[in-house]
Amino acid sequence: MTLTGLLMVITVVLLGVLVGFAVPAIAQLRATLRSLERFLDETRPTLRETLAQLGETAARVNRLSDEAESTLAKVRSLLDTLDQARQPILSLRDNVRRFGTLIAALGPALVAGLGALWGGRAGGERPNPPGDASSSRPEAAP
C-alpha cells in the first residue's frame, strides 16, 4: 500500500467515526427541535394573549405616570404657595414675640408708674370708683 492509499483509508475511517457520532447527535437535535416546535405551537396563543396584556399594562403604567407627574406639579405649586404664606406668618410671630418682650420689659415700670400716680392722690389713697358704697358712709372714729 502506498502512502496515498493509507491516507485515504485513514480519512475514510475517520469520516466513518465522525458520521457515527454525528448521526445520533443530529437525530437528538431533530427530536429536540420537534419538541420545541410542539411547545411553541401549544403556548403561542397564551403568549400572544400575555403579550397583549403586557402592552395594555405598559400603557396603563405610562398613563398613571403622566397623571402622577401632573399631580406632583400641583403639589409643588401648593407647597410653593404655602411657603409664600408662611413668610408673613413667621414675620407676625416674630413681631408678637418682640411685643411680648417689650411688654415684659416695660410692664413692671408701667405698674410702678401707675402705682405712683394713684399713690400720689389724696394722701396716698386710691380714688374710689363711682357708685362705691364706702364713699357715701362716713368713716367711724376709733
N, C-alpha and C. Protein backbone atom coordinates (compact mmCIF):
# COMPACT_ATOMS: atom_id res chain seq x y z
N MET A 1 0.82 -1.16 0.00
CA MET A 1 0.00 0.00 0.00
C MET A 1 0.88 1.24 0.00
N THR A 2 0.42 2.16 -0.74
CA THR A 2 1.19 3.38 -0.84
C THR A 2 0.71 4.36 0.22
N LEU A 3 1.48 5.39 0.34
CA LEU A 3 1.17 6.42 1.34
C LEU A 3 -0.16 7.10 1.04
N THR A 4 -0.46 7.31 -0.19
CA THR A 4 -1.70 7.95 -0.56
C THR A 4 -2.87 7.03 -0.24
N GLY A 5 -2.72 5.77 -0.50
CA GLY A 5 -3.79 4.82 -0.20
C GLY A 5 -4.02 4.72 1.29
N LEU A 6 -2.93 4.74 2.06
CA LEU A 6 -3.04 4.69 3.52
C LEU A 6 -3.75 5.92 4.06
N LEU A 7 -3.43 7.05 3.52
CA LEU A 7 -4.10 8.30 3.94
C LEU A 7 -5.58 8.27 3.59
N MET A 8 -5.91 7.67 2.47
CA MET A 8 -7.32 7.59 2.10
C MET A 8 -8.07 6.65 3.03
N VAL A 9 -7.46 5.57 3.42
CA VAL A 9 -8.10 4.64 4.34
C VAL A 9 -8.30 5.32 5.70
N ILE A 10 -7.31 6.03 6.18
CA ILE A 10 -7.41 6.75 7.47
C ILE A 10 -8.51 7.80 7.38
N THR A 11 -8.58 8.49 6.26
CA THR A 11 -9.60 9.53 6.09
C THR A 11 -10.99 8.90 6.07
N VAL A 12 -11.16 7.80 5.39
CA VAL A 12 -12.47 7.14 5.33
C VAL A 12 -12.87 6.64 6.71
N VAL A 13 -11.92 6.07 7.44
CA VAL A 13 -12.21 5.58 8.80
C VAL A 13 -12.59 6.74 9.70
N LEU A 14 -11.85 7.81 9.64
CA LEU A 14 -12.17 8.99 10.47
C LEU A 14 -13.53 9.58 10.09
N LEU A 15 -13.84 9.62 8.81
CA LEU A 15 -15.14 10.11 8.39
C LEU A 15 -16.24 9.17 8.87
N GLY A 16 -16.00 7.90 8.87
CA GLY A 16 -16.98 6.93 9.37
C GLY A 16 -17.23 7.11 10.86
N VAL A 17 -16.15 7.33 11.61
CA VAL A 17 -16.30 7.57 13.06
C VAL A 17 -17.04 8.87 13.29
N LEU A 18 -16.68 9.88 12.54
CA LEU A 18 -17.34 11.18 12.68
C LEU A 18 -18.82 11.06 12.35
N VAL A 19 -19.17 10.37 11.29
CA VAL A 19 -20.56 10.17 10.92
C VAL A 19 -21.25 9.32 11.99
N GLY A 20 -20.55 8.34 12.52
CA GLY A 20 -21.11 7.50 13.58
C GLY A 20 -21.49 8.31 14.82
N PHE A 21 -20.70 9.32 15.15
CA PHE A 21 -21.04 10.18 16.28
C PHE A 21 -22.04 11.28 15.88
N ALA A 22 -21.97 11.74 14.67
CA ALA A 22 -22.80 12.85 14.24
C ALA A 22 -24.25 12.44 14.01
N VAL A 23 -24.48 11.23 13.51
CA VAL A 23 -25.85 10.81 13.21
C VAL A 23 -26.71 10.78 14.48
N PRO A 24 -26.28 10.17 15.59
CA PRO A 24 -27.12 10.22 16.80
C PRO A 24 -27.30 11.65 17.33
N ALA A 25 -26.26 12.45 17.24
CA ALA A 25 -26.38 13.83 17.71
C ALA A 25 -27.38 14.60 16.85
N ILE A 26 -27.34 14.37 15.55
CA ILE A 26 -28.28 15.05 14.64
C ILE A 26 -29.70 14.54 14.91
N ALA A 27 -29.84 13.26 15.18
CA ALA A 27 -31.17 12.71 15.48
C ALA A 27 -31.71 13.30 16.78
N GLN A 28 -30.86 13.42 17.77
CA GLN A 28 -31.30 14.03 19.05
C GLN A 28 -31.66 15.50 18.85
N LEU A 29 -30.87 16.21 18.07
CA LEU A 29 -31.17 17.60 17.78
C LEU A 29 -32.50 17.73 17.05
N ARG A 30 -32.77 16.81 16.11
CA ARG A 30 -34.05 16.82 15.39
C ARG A 30 -35.21 16.60 16.36
N ALA A 31 -35.07 15.67 17.29
CA ALA A 31 -36.13 15.40 18.27
C ALA A 31 -36.34 16.61 19.19
N THR A 32 -35.25 17.23 19.57
CA THR A 32 -35.34 18.42 20.43
C THR A 32 -36.05 19.55 19.70
N LEU A 33 -35.73 19.75 18.45
CA LEU A 33 -36.39 20.80 17.67
C LEU A 33 -37.88 20.52 17.48
N ARG A 34 -38.24 19.26 17.26
CA ARG A 34 -39.66 18.91 17.16
C ARG A 34 -40.39 19.20 18.47
N SER A 35 -39.75 18.84 19.59
CA SER A 35 -40.35 19.10 20.90
C SER A 35 -40.52 20.61 21.12
N LEU A 36 -39.52 21.36 20.73
CA LEU A 36 -39.61 22.82 20.85
C LEU A 36 -40.72 23.37 19.97
N GLU A 37 -40.86 22.84 18.78
CA GLU A 37 -41.92 23.30 17.87
C GLU A 37 -43.31 22.99 18.46
N ARG A 38 -43.49 21.78 19.03
CA ARG A 38 -44.77 21.45 19.67
C ARG A 38 -45.06 22.39 20.85
N PHE A 39 -44.02 22.65 21.64
CA PHE A 39 -44.19 23.56 22.79
C PHE A 39 -44.62 24.95 22.32
N LEU A 40 -43.97 25.45 21.29
CA LEU A 40 -44.32 26.78 20.77
C LEU A 40 -45.72 26.79 20.17
N ASP A 41 -46.10 25.71 19.50
CA ASP A 41 -47.45 25.65 18.95
C ASP A 41 -48.50 25.66 20.06
N GLU A 42 -48.21 24.98 21.17
CA GLU A 42 -49.16 24.93 22.28
C GLU A 42 -49.22 26.26 23.05
N THR A 43 -48.11 26.92 23.17
CA THR A 43 -48.06 28.15 24.00
C THR A 43 -48.24 29.43 23.20
N ARG A 44 -48.25 29.36 21.89
CA ARG A 44 -48.35 30.57 21.06
C ARG A 44 -49.59 31.40 21.40
N PRO A 45 -50.81 30.80 21.50
CA PRO A 45 -51.98 31.63 21.83
C PRO A 45 -51.85 32.29 23.21
N THR A 46 -51.33 31.55 24.16
CA THR A 46 -51.15 32.12 25.51
C THR A 46 -50.12 33.23 25.48
N LEU A 47 -49.05 33.02 24.74
CA LEU A 47 -48.01 34.05 24.64
C LEU A 47 -48.55 35.31 23.97
N ARG A 48 -49.37 35.13 22.94
CA ARG A 48 -49.96 36.31 22.28
C ARG A 48 -50.85 37.08 23.24
N GLU A 49 -51.69 36.34 23.98
CA GLU A 49 -52.58 36.99 24.95
C GLU A 49 -51.77 37.68 26.04
N THR A 50 -50.73 37.01 26.51
CA THR A 50 -49.89 37.59 27.55
C THR A 50 -49.19 38.84 27.05
N LEU A 51 -48.69 38.80 25.84
CA LEU A 51 -48.03 39.98 25.27
C LEU A 51 -49.02 41.13 25.08
N ALA A 52 -50.25 40.82 24.69
CA ALA A 52 -51.27 41.87 24.55
C ALA A 52 -51.57 42.49 25.91
N GLN A 53 -51.72 41.65 26.93
CA GLN A 53 -51.97 42.17 28.29
C GLN A 53 -50.79 42.97 28.79
N LEU A 54 -49.59 42.53 28.46
CA LEU A 54 -48.40 43.27 28.86
C LEU A 54 -48.37 44.65 28.20
N GLY A 55 -48.79 44.71 26.94
CA GLY A 55 -48.87 46.00 26.26
C GLY A 55 -49.89 46.92 26.91
N GLU A 56 -51.06 46.36 27.29
CA GLU A 56 -52.08 47.15 27.98
C GLU A 56 -51.57 47.64 29.33
N THR A 57 -50.87 46.77 30.03
CA THR A 57 -50.32 47.16 31.33
C THR A 57 -49.29 48.27 31.18
N ALA A 58 -48.46 48.17 30.17
CA ALA A 58 -47.47 49.22 29.92
C ALA A 58 -48.16 50.55 29.61
N ALA A 59 -49.25 50.50 28.83
CA ALA A 59 -50.00 51.73 28.53
C ALA A 59 -50.59 52.33 29.80
N ARG A 60 -51.14 51.46 30.68
CA ARG A 60 -51.70 51.96 31.94
C ARG A 60 -50.62 52.59 32.82
N VAL A 61 -49.47 51.92 32.89
CA VAL A 61 -48.38 52.45 33.70
C VAL A 61 -47.94 53.81 33.17
N ASN A 62 -47.86 53.94 31.85
CA ASN A 62 -47.49 55.23 31.26
C ASN A 62 -48.52 56.30 31.58
N ARG A 63 -49.81 55.93 31.49
CA ARG A 63 -50.87 56.89 31.79
C ARG A 63 -50.82 57.31 33.26
N LEU A 64 -50.64 56.32 34.15
CA LEU A 64 -50.55 56.64 35.58
C LEU A 64 -49.32 57.48 35.89
N SER A 65 -48.24 57.21 35.19
CA SER A 65 -47.03 58.00 35.38
C SER A 65 -47.26 59.46 34.98
N ASP A 66 -47.96 59.66 33.85
CA ASP A 66 -48.27 61.03 33.42
C ASP A 66 -49.17 61.72 34.45
N GLU A 67 -50.17 60.99 34.96
CA GLU A 67 -51.06 61.57 35.97
C GLU A 67 -50.29 61.89 37.25
N ALA A 68 -49.37 61.03 37.62
CA ALA A 68 -48.58 61.27 38.84
C ALA A 68 -47.70 62.51 38.66
N GLU A 69 -47.13 62.67 37.49
CA GLU A 69 -46.31 63.86 37.24
C GLU A 69 -47.17 65.12 37.32
N SER A 70 -48.38 65.06 36.77
CA SER A 70 -49.28 66.20 36.83
C SER A 70 -49.65 66.52 38.28
N THR A 71 -49.95 65.47 39.05
CA THR A 71 -50.31 65.66 40.45
C THR A 71 -49.13 66.23 41.23
N LEU A 72 -47.94 65.72 40.96
CA LEU A 72 -46.76 66.24 41.66
C LEU A 72 -46.52 67.71 41.32
N ALA A 73 -46.80 68.11 40.10
CA ALA A 73 -46.65 69.52 39.74
C ALA A 73 -47.63 70.37 40.54
N LYS A 74 -48.86 69.87 40.72
CA LYS A 74 -49.85 70.60 41.52
C LYS A 74 -49.43 70.67 42.98
N VAL A 75 -48.89 69.58 43.49
CA VAL A 75 -48.43 69.56 44.89
C VAL A 75 -47.28 70.53 45.08
N ARG A 76 -46.36 70.56 44.10
CA ARG A 76 -45.25 71.53 44.19
C ARG A 76 -45.78 72.96 44.22
N SER A 77 -46.77 73.24 43.37
CA SER A 77 -47.36 74.57 43.33
C SER A 77 -48.00 74.90 44.67
N LEU A 78 -48.73 73.92 45.25
CA LEU A 78 -49.35 74.13 46.55
C LEU A 78 -48.30 74.38 47.63
N LEU A 79 -47.23 73.60 47.61
CA LEU A 79 -46.18 73.79 48.62
C LEU A 79 -45.49 75.15 48.46
N ASP A 80 -45.30 75.58 47.22
CA ASP A 80 -44.73 76.91 47.00
C ASP A 80 -45.65 78.00 47.54
N THR A 81 -46.95 77.84 47.31
CA THR A 81 -47.93 78.81 47.83
C THR A 81 -47.91 78.82 49.35
N LEU A 82 -47.86 77.64 49.95
CA LEU A 82 -47.81 77.56 51.42
C LEU A 82 -46.52 78.18 51.95
N ASP A 83 -45.43 78.00 51.24
CA ASP A 83 -44.18 78.61 51.67
C ASP A 83 -44.26 80.13 51.60
N GLN A 84 -44.93 80.63 50.57
CA GLN A 84 -45.09 82.08 50.45
C GLN A 84 -46.01 82.60 51.56
N ALA A 85 -47.03 81.82 51.94
CA ALA A 85 -47.93 82.24 53.01
C ALA A 85 -47.25 82.12 54.37
N ARG A 86 -46.27 81.28 54.48
CA ARG A 86 -45.57 81.06 55.75
C ARG A 86 -44.73 82.28 56.14
N GLN A 87 -44.20 82.97 55.16
CA GLN A 87 -43.31 84.10 55.46
C GLN A 87 -44.01 85.20 56.26
N PRO A 88 -45.20 85.66 55.86
CA PRO A 88 -45.87 86.68 56.67
C PRO A 88 -46.25 86.16 58.07
N ILE A 89 -46.59 84.88 58.15
CA ILE A 89 -46.95 84.32 59.47
C ILE A 89 -45.72 84.31 60.37
N LEU A 90 -44.57 83.95 59.83
CA LEU A 90 -43.34 83.96 60.63
C LEU A 90 -43.00 85.39 61.05
N SER A 91 -43.22 86.34 60.14
CA SER A 91 -42.96 87.73 60.47
C SER A 91 -43.90 88.20 61.59
N LEU A 92 -45.18 87.83 61.51
CA LEU A 92 -46.13 88.17 62.56
C LEU A 92 -45.73 87.54 63.88
N ARG A 93 -45.31 86.29 63.85
CA ARG A 93 -44.86 85.61 65.07
C ARG A 93 -43.67 86.34 65.70
N ASP A 94 -42.73 86.75 64.85
CA ASP A 94 -41.57 87.48 65.37
C ASP A 94 -41.99 88.82 65.98
N ASN A 95 -42.95 89.50 65.33
CA ASN A 95 -43.44 90.77 65.87
C ASN A 95 -44.15 90.58 67.21
N VAL A 96 -44.94 89.51 67.32
CA VAL A 96 -45.63 89.23 68.58
C VAL A 96 -44.61 88.93 69.67
N ARG A 97 -43.56 88.20 69.34
CA ARG A 97 -42.51 87.93 70.33
C ARG A 97 -41.82 89.22 70.77
N ARG A 98 -41.54 90.08 69.82
CA ARG A 98 -40.90 91.35 70.18
C ARG A 98 -41.82 92.18 71.06
N PHE A 99 -43.12 92.20 70.70
CA PHE A 99 -44.07 92.95 71.52
C PHE A 99 -44.15 92.35 72.93
N GLY A 100 -44.15 91.03 73.03
CA GLY A 100 -44.17 90.37 74.33
C GLY A 100 -42.92 90.71 75.14
N THR A 101 -41.78 90.74 74.47
CA THR A 101 -40.54 91.10 75.15
C THR A 101 -40.61 92.55 75.62
N LEU A 102 -41.17 93.42 74.80
CA LEU A 102 -41.31 94.84 75.16
C LEU A 102 -42.24 94.98 76.37
N ILE A 103 -43.37 94.28 76.35
CA ILE A 103 -44.31 94.34 77.48
C ILE A 103 -43.65 93.78 78.73
N ALA A 104 -42.90 92.69 78.59
CA ALA A 104 -42.23 92.10 79.75
C ALA A 104 -41.20 93.07 80.33
N ALA A 105 -40.55 93.84 79.46
CA ALA A 105 -39.54 94.78 79.94
C ALA A 105 -40.18 96.04 80.52
N LEU A 106 -41.25 96.53 79.87
CA LEU A 106 -41.86 97.78 80.30
C LEU A 106 -43.00 97.58 81.28
N GLY A 107 -43.55 96.38 81.39
CA GLY A 107 -44.68 96.12 82.26
C GLY A 107 -44.44 96.51 83.71
N PRO A 108 -43.37 96.06 84.33
CA PRO A 108 -43.14 96.45 85.73
C PRO A 108 -42.99 97.96 85.90
N ALA A 109 -42.37 98.60 84.92
CA ALA A 109 -42.23 100.06 85.01
C ALA A 109 -43.58 100.74 84.90
N LEU A 110 -44.46 100.26 84.02
CA LEU A 110 -45.80 100.84 83.90
C LEU A 110 -46.61 100.63 85.18
N VAL A 111 -46.52 99.43 85.76
CA VAL A 111 -47.24 99.16 87.01
C VAL A 111 -46.73 100.07 88.12
N ALA A 112 -45.42 100.24 88.19
CA ALA A 112 -44.86 101.12 89.22
C ALA A 112 -45.28 102.56 88.99
N GLY A 113 -45.31 102.99 87.73
CA GLY A 113 -45.73 104.36 87.42
C GLY A 113 -47.19 104.58 87.76
N LEU A 114 -48.05 103.62 87.44
CA LEU A 114 -49.47 103.75 87.77
C LEU A 114 -49.67 103.72 89.29
N GLY A 115 -48.88 102.86 89.95
CA GLY A 115 -48.97 102.82 91.42
C GLY A 115 -48.56 104.15 92.02
N ALA A 116 -47.54 104.77 91.48
CA ALA A 116 -47.09 106.08 91.98
C ALA A 116 -48.13 107.14 91.66
N LEU A 117 -48.77 107.04 90.50
CA LEU A 117 -49.80 108.00 90.12
C LEU A 117 -50.99 107.90 91.07
N TRP A 118 -51.45 106.70 91.37
CA TRP A 118 -52.57 106.52 92.26
C TRP A 118 -52.17 106.80 93.70
N GLY A 119 -50.96 106.47 94.04
CA GLY A 119 -50.50 106.68 95.40
C GLY A 119 -50.29 108.17 95.70
N GLY A 120 -50.10 109.00 94.70
CA GLY A 120 -49.86 110.43 94.90
C GLY A 120 -51.14 111.21 95.11
N ARG A 121 -52.33 110.70 94.98
CA ARG A 121 -53.61 111.39 95.13
C ARG A 121 -54.14 111.23 96.54
N ALA A 122 -54.73 112.21 97.07
CA ALA A 122 -55.48 112.25 98.33
C ALA A 122 -54.77 111.50 99.44
N GLY A 123 -53.55 111.84 99.68
CA GLY A 123 -52.84 111.28 100.82
C GLY A 123 -52.51 109.82 100.64
N GLY A 124 -52.30 109.39 99.46
CA GLY A 124 -51.87 108.02 99.23
C GLY A 124 -53.01 107.04 99.07
N GLU A 125 -54.24 107.55 99.04
CA GLU A 125 -55.38 106.64 98.87
C GLU A 125 -55.74 106.56 97.40
N ARG A 126 -56.26 105.43 97.07
CA ARG A 126 -56.72 105.26 95.70
C ARG A 126 -58.08 105.89 95.56
N PRO A 127 -58.37 106.47 94.43
CA PRO A 127 -59.71 107.03 94.26
C PRO A 127 -60.71 105.90 94.21
N ASN A 128 -61.87 106.15 94.83
CA ASN A 128 -62.94 105.16 94.82
C ASN A 128 -63.68 105.23 93.49
N PRO A 129 -64.04 104.09 92.99
CA PRO A 129 -64.82 104.11 91.75
C PRO A 129 -66.19 104.72 92.01
N PRO A 130 -66.81 105.32 91.01
CA PRO A 130 -68.13 105.93 91.22
C PRO A 130 -69.14 104.88 91.59
N GLY A 131 -70.03 105.21 92.51
CA GLY A 131 -71.08 104.32 92.96
C GLY A 131 -70.60 103.35 94.02
N ASP A 132 -69.45 103.55 94.59
CA ASP A 132 -68.94 102.66 95.64
C ASP A 132 -69.61 103.04 96.94
N ALA A 133 -70.13 102.08 97.68
CA ALA A 133 -70.88 102.32 98.91
C ALA A 133 -70.00 102.87 100.01
N SER A 134 -68.75 102.57 99.98
CA SER A 134 -67.87 103.04 101.06
C SER A 134 -67.65 104.54 100.99
N SER A 135 -67.87 105.18 99.86
CA SER A 135 -67.65 106.61 99.75
C SER A 135 -68.82 107.41 100.35
N SER A 136 -70.02 106.83 100.40
CA SER A 136 -71.16 107.56 100.94
C SER A 136 -71.24 107.42 102.45
N ARG A 137 -70.61 106.43 103.07
CA ARG A 137 -70.65 106.28 104.52
C ARG A 137 -69.54 107.09 105.14
N PRO A 138 -69.87 107.73 106.24
CA PRO A 138 -68.80 108.42 106.97
C PRO A 138 -67.95 107.39 107.68
N GLU A 139 -66.67 107.70 107.82
CA GLU A 139 -65.76 106.79 108.48
C GLU A 139 -65.98 106.84 109.98
N ALA A 140 -65.94 105.71 110.60
CA ALA A 140 -66.14 105.61 112.05
C ALA A 140 -64.89 106.03 112.76
N ALA A 141 -65.08 106.75 113.88
CA ALA A 141 -63.91 107.20 114.66
C ALA A 141 -63.44 106.07 115.53
N PRO A 142 -62.22 105.90 115.70
CA PRO A 142 -61.71 104.82 116.56
C PRO A 142 -61.79 105.11 118.01
